[in-house]
């Protein structure tokens, strides 16, 4: 029983050290976004653009 308790105590004390040493920045990919779309053509005002 004593060796099992020793293993448990050692595992519980080492776990935070191992967790703190992992670089979390490499686990997720870097997000990249596409360039914004160009502005749409201006809307015509007046009666000239209605029939087009």
PDB file of N, CA and C in Angstrom:
ATOM      1  N   UNK A   1       0.826  -1.199   0.000  1.00  0.00           N
ATOM      2  CA  UNK A   1       0.000   0.000   0.000  1.00  0.00           C
ATOM      3  C   UNK A   1       0.869   1.262   0.000  1.00  0.00           C
ATOM      4  N   UNK A   2       1.993   1.168   0.718  1.00  0.00           N
ATOM      5  CA  UNK A   2       2.866   2.333   0.807  1.00  0.00           C
ATOM      6  C   UNK A   2       3.485   2.698  -0.555  1.00  0.00           C
ATOM      7  N   UNK A   3       3.939   1.742  -1.372  1.00  0.00           N
ATOM      8  CA  UNK A   3       4.468   2.121  -2.697  1.00  0.00           C
ATOM      9  C   UNK A   3       3.404   2.747  -3.597  1.00  0.00           C
ATOM     10  N   UNK A   4       2.171   2.269  -3.485  1.00  0.00           N
ATOM     11  CA  UNK A   4       1.088   2.841  -4.285  1.00  0.00           C
ATOM     12  C   UNK A   4       0.818   4.289  -3.879  1.00  0.00           C
ATOM     13  N   UNK A   5       0.842   4.554  -2.583  1.00  0.00           N
ATOM     14  CA  UNK A   5       0.644   5.914  -2.089  1.00  0.00           C
ATOM     15  C   UNK A   5       1.798   6.819  -2.527  1.00  0.00           C
ATOM     16  N   UNK A   6       3.009   6.287  -2.515  1.00  0.00           N
ATOM     17  CA  UNK A   6       4.167   7.067  -2.950  1.00  0.00           C
ATOM     18  C   UNK A   6       4.055   7.430  -4.434  1.00  0.00           C
ATOM     19  N   UNK A   7       3.641   6.480  -5.250  1.00  0.00           N
ATOM     20  CA  UNK A   7       3.466   6.746  -6.677  1.00  0.00           C
ATOM     21  C   UNK A   7       2.389   7.793  -6.891  1.00  0.00           C
ATOM     22  N   UNK A   8       1.306   7.714  -6.144  1.00  0.00           N
ATOM     23  CA  UNK A   8       0.219   8.687  -6.269  1.00  0.00           C
ATOM     24  C   UNK A   8       0.677  10.088  -5.876  1.00  0.00           C
ATOM     25  N   UNK A   9       1.406  10.204  -4.790  1.00  0.00           N
ATOM     26  CA  UNK A   9       1.881  11.514  -4.333  1.00  0.00           C
ATOM     27  C   UNK A   9       2.873  12.104  -5.336  1.00  0.00           C
ATOM     28  N   UNK A  10       3.774  11.294  -5.849  1.00  0.00           N
ATOM     29  CA  UNK A  10       4.747  11.787  -6.829  1.00  0.00           C
ATOM     30  C   UNK A  10       4.038  12.221  -8.107  1.00  0.00           C
ATOM     31  N   UNK A  11       3.049  11.452  -8.540  1.00  0.00           N
ATOM     32  CA  UNK A  11       2.311  11.810  -9.754  1.00  0.00           C
ATOM     33  C   UNK A  11       1.556  13.121  -9.573  1.00  0.00           C
ATOM     34  N   UNK A  12       0.975  13.324  -8.410  1.00  0.00           N
ATOM     35  CA  UNK A  12       0.224  14.560  -8.165  1.00  0.00           C
ATOM     36  C   UNK A  12       1.134  15.779  -8.042  1.00  0.00           C
ATOM     37  N   UNK A  13       2.357  15.600  -7.600  1.00  0.00           N
ATOM     38  CA  UNK A  13       3.262  16.749  -7.485  1.00  0.00           C
ATOM     39  C   UNK A  13       3.946  17.070  -8.811  1.00  0.00           C
ATOM     40  N   UNK A  14       4.110  16.092  -9.685  1.00  0.00           N
ATOM     41  CA  UNK A  14       4.790  16.317 -10.960  1.00  0.00           C
ATOM     42  C   UNK A  14       3.824  16.837 -12.024  1.00  0.00           C
ATOM     43  N   UNK A  15       2.558  16.513 -11.928  1.00  0.00           N
ATOM     44  CA  UNK A  15       1.576  16.879 -12.956  1.00  0.00           C
ATOM     45  C   UNK A  15       1.503  18.389 -13.207  1.00  0.00           C
ATOM     46  N   UNK A  16       1.440  19.263 -12.205  1.00  0.00           N
ATOM     47  CA  UNK A  16       1.399  20.711 -12.501  1.00  0.00           C
ATOM     48  C   UNK A  16       2.661  21.215 -13.202  1.00  0.00           C
ATOM     49  N   UNK A  17       3.801  20.635 -12.890  1.00  0.00           N
ATOM     50  CA  UNK A  17       5.049  21.057 -13.534  1.00  0.00           C
ATOM     51  C   UNK A  17       5.024  20.680 -15.009  1.00  0.00           C
ATOM     52  N   UNK A  18       4.553  19.496 -15.313  1.00  0.00           N
ATOM     53  CA  UNK A  18       4.467  19.065 -16.713  1.00  0.00           C
ATOM     54  C   UNK A  18       3.439  19.909 -17.463  1.00  0.00           C
ATOM     55  N   UNK A  19       2.303  20.191 -16.827  1.00  0.00           N
ATOM     56  CA  UNK A  19       1.261  20.984 -17.484  1.00  0.00           C
ATOM     57  C   UNK A  19       1.735  22.412 -17.750  1.00  0.00           C
ATOM     58  N   UNK A  20       2.535  22.974 -16.870  1.00  0.00           N
ATOM     59  CA  UNK A  20       3.014  24.343 -17.049  1.00  0.00           C
ATOM     60  C   UNK A  20       4.100  24.429 -18.116  1.00  0.00           C
ATOM     61  N   UNK A  21       4.768  23.326 -18.397  1.00  0.00           N
ATOM     62  CA  UNK A  21       5.866  23.376 -19.360  1.00  0.00           C
ATOM     63  C   UNK A  21       5.399  23.195 -20.801  1.00  0.00           C
ATOM     64  N   UNK A  22       4.129  22.872 -21.029  1.00  0.00           N
ATOM     65  CA  UNK A  22       3.613  22.696 -22.389  1.00  0.00           C
ATOM     66  C   UNK A  22       3.316  24.063 -22.991  1.00  0.00           C
ATOM     67  N   UNK A  23       3.817  24.304 -24.195  1.00  0.00           N
ATOM     68  CA  UNK A  23       3.559  25.564 -24.889  1.00  0.00           C
ATOM     69  C   UNK A  23       2.200  25.467 -25.572  1.00  0.00           C
ATOM     70  N   UNK A  24       1.214  26.150 -25.040  1.00  0.00           N
ATOM     71  CA  UNK A  24      -0.149  26.049 -25.565  1.00  0.00           C
ATOM     72  C   UNK A  24      -0.303  26.767 -26.903  1.00  0.00           C
ATOM     73  N   UNK A  25       0.611  27.649 -27.261  1.00  0.00           N
ATOM     74  CA  UNK A  25       0.508  28.382 -28.513  1.00  0.00           C
ATOM     75  C   UNK A  25       0.690  27.513 -29.742  1.00  0.00           C
ATOM     76  N   UNK A  26       1.363  26.392 -29.589  1.00  0.00           N
ATOM     77  CA  UNK A  26       1.586  25.526 -30.744  1.00  0.00           C
ATOM     78  C   UNK A  26       0.466  24.520 -30.941  1.00  0.00           C
ATOM     79  N   UNK A  27      -0.482  24.457 -30.026  1.00  0.00           N
ATOM     80  CA  UNK A  27      -1.555  23.471 -30.136  1.00  0.00           C
ATOM     81  C   UNK A  27      -2.675  23.927 -31.060  1.00  0.00           C
ATOM     82  N   UNK A  28      -2.792  25.224 -31.287  1.00  0.00           N
ATOM     83  CA  UNK A  28      -3.850  25.734 -32.163  1.00  0.00           C
ATOM     84  C   UNK A  28      -3.217  26.449 -33.353  1.00  0.00           C
ATOM     85  N   UNK A  29      -3.797  26.343 -34.523  1.00  0.00           N
ATOM     86  CA  UNK A  29      -3.213  27.006 -35.694  1.00  0.00           C
ATOM     87  C   UNK A  29      -3.423  28.517 -35.647  1.00  0.00           C
ATOM     88  N   UNK A  30      -2.566  29.233 -36.331  1.00  0.00           N
ATOM     89  CA  UNK A  30      -2.708  30.680 -36.441  1.00  0.00           C
ATOM     90  C   UNK A  30      -3.803  30.987 -37.456  1.00  0.00           C
ATOM     91  N   UNK A  31      -4.745  31.814 -37.067  1.00  0.00           N
ATOM     92  CA  UNK A  31      -5.860  32.144 -37.952  1.00  0.00           C
ATOM     93  C   UNK A  31      -5.449  33.242 -38.923  1.00  0.00           C
ATOM     94  N   UNK A  32      -5.756  33.038 -40.188  1.00  0.00           N
ATOM     95  CA  UNK A  32      -5.518  34.053 -41.209  1.00  0.00           C
ATOM     96  C   UNK A  32      -6.840  34.351 -41.890  1.00  0.00           C
ATOM     97  N   UNK A  33      -7.051  35.601 -42.203  1.00  0.00           N
ATOM     98  CA  UNK A  33      -8.306  36.032 -42.809  1.00  0.00           C
ATOM     99  C   UNK A  33      -8.038  36.541 -44.222  1.00  0.00           C
ATOM    100  N   UNK A  34      -8.959  36.296 -45.161  1.00  0.00           N
ATOM    101  CA  UNK A  34      -8.751  36.780 -46.530  1.00  0.00           C
ATOM    102  C   UNK A  34      -8.872  38.302 -46.599  1.00  0.00           C
ATOM    103  N   UNK A  35      -8.341  38.848 -47.665  1.00  0.00           N
ATOM    104  CA  UNK A  35      -8.449  40.293 -47.882  1.00  0.00           C
ATOM    105  C   UNK A  35      -9.918  40.662 -48.065  1.00  0.00           C
ATOM    106  N   UNK A  36     -10.321  41.843 -47.612  1.00  0.00           N
ATOM    107  CA  UNK A  36     -11.729  42.236 -47.790  1.00  0.00           C
ATOM    108  C   UNK A  36     -12.085  42.408 -49.266  1.00  0.00           C
ATOM    109  N   UNK A  37     -13.326  42.135 -49.580  1.00  0.00           N
ATOM    110  CA  UNK A  37     -13.805  42.251 -50.963  1.00  0.00           C
ATOM    111  C   UNK A  37     -13.811  43.718 -51.382  1.00  0.00           C
ATOM    112  N   UNK A  38     -13.621  43.991 -52.669  1.00  0.00           N
ATOM    113  CA  UNK A  38     -13.663  45.392 -53.120  1.00  0.00           C
ATOM    114  C   UNK A  38     -15.067  45.972 -52.937  1.00  0.00           C
ATOM    115  N   UNK A  39     -15.122  47.263 -52.857  1.00  0.00           N
ATOM    116  CA  UNK A  39     -16.406  47.940 -52.655  1.00  0.00           C
ATOM    117  C   UNK A  39     -17.303  47.729 -53.874  1.00  0.00           C
ATOM    118  N   UNK A  40     -18.596  47.579 -53.659  1.00  0.00           N
ATOM    119  CA  UNK A  40     -19.501  47.399 -54.803  1.00  0.00           C
ATOM    120  C   UNK A  40     -19.603  48.681 -55.632  1.00  0.00           C
ATOM    121  N   UNK A  41     -20.066  48.519 -56.861  1.00  0.00           N
ATOM    122  CA  UNK A  41     -20.237  49.676 -57.746  1.00  0.00           C
ATOM    123  C   UNK A  41     -21.304  50.598 -57.172  1.00  0.00           C
ATOM    124  N   UNK A  42     -21.167  51.890 -57.394  1.00  0.00           N
ATOM    125  CA  UNK A  42     -22.160  52.825 -56.848  1.00  0.00           C
ATOM    126  C   UNK A  42     -23.541  52.601 -57.468  1.00  0.00           C
ATOM    127  N   UNK A  43     -24.541  52.823 -56.680  1.00  0.00           N
ATOM    128  CA  UNK A  43     -25.926  52.669 -57.138  1.00  0.00           C
ATOM    129  C   UNK A  43     -26.320  53.909 -57.933  1.00  0.00           C
ATOM    130  N   UNK A  44     -26.977  53.687 -59.075  1.00  0.00           N
ATOM    131  CA  UNK A  44     -27.405  54.829 -59.894  1.00  0.00           C
ATOM    132  C   UNK A  44     -28.629  55.482 -59.279  1.00  0.00           C
ATOM    133  N   UNK A  45     -28.641  56.778 -59.339  1.00  0.00           N
ATOM    134  CA  UNK A  45     -29.786  57.529 -58.824  1.00  0.00           C
ATOM    135  C   UNK A  45     -30.493  58.195 -59.995  1.00  0.00           C
ATOM    136  N   UNK A  46     -31.757  58.207 -59.955  1.00  0.00           N
ATOM    137  CA  UNK A  46     -32.522  58.841 -61.026  1.00  0.00           C
ATOM    138  C   UNK A  46     -33.164  57.799 -61.916  1.00  0.00           C
ATOM    139  N   UNK A  47     -33.858  58.260 -62.938  1.00  0.00           N
ATOM    140  CA  UNK A  47     -34.611  57.370 -63.814  1.00  0.00           C
ATOM    141  C   UNK A  47     -33.730  56.670 -64.839  1.00  0.00           C
ATOM    142  N   UNK A  48     -32.506  57.098 -65.033  1.00  0.00           N
ATOM    143  CA  UNK A  48     -31.650  56.518 -66.070  1.00  0.00           C
ATOM    144  C   UNK A  48     -31.265  55.074 -65.743  1.00  0.00           C
ATOM    145  N   UNK A  49     -31.149  54.716 -64.482  1.00  0.00           N
ATOM    146  CA  UNK A  49     -30.697  53.377 -64.129  1.00  0.00           C
ATOM    147  C   UNK A  49     -31.802  52.376 -63.888  1.00  0.00           C
ATOM    148  N   UNK A  50     -33.063  52.760 -63.991  1.00  0.00           N
ATOM    149  CA  UNK A  50     -34.159  51.848 -63.676  1.00  0.00           C
ATOM    150  C   UNK A  50     -34.297  50.754 -64.726  1.00  0.00           C
ATOM    151  N   UNK A  51     -34.160  51.082 -66.006  1.00  0.00           N
ATOM    152  CA  UNK A  51     -34.388  50.117 -67.080  1.00  0.00           C
ATOM    153  C   UNK A  51     -33.188  49.215 -67.337  1.00  0.00           C
ATOM    154  N   UNK A  52     -32.109  49.382 -66.639  1.00  0.00           N
ATOM    155  CA  UNK A  52     -30.910  48.589 -66.923  1.00  0.00           C
ATOM    156  C   UNK A  52     -30.933  47.270 -66.192  1.00  0.00           C
TER     157      UNK A  52
END
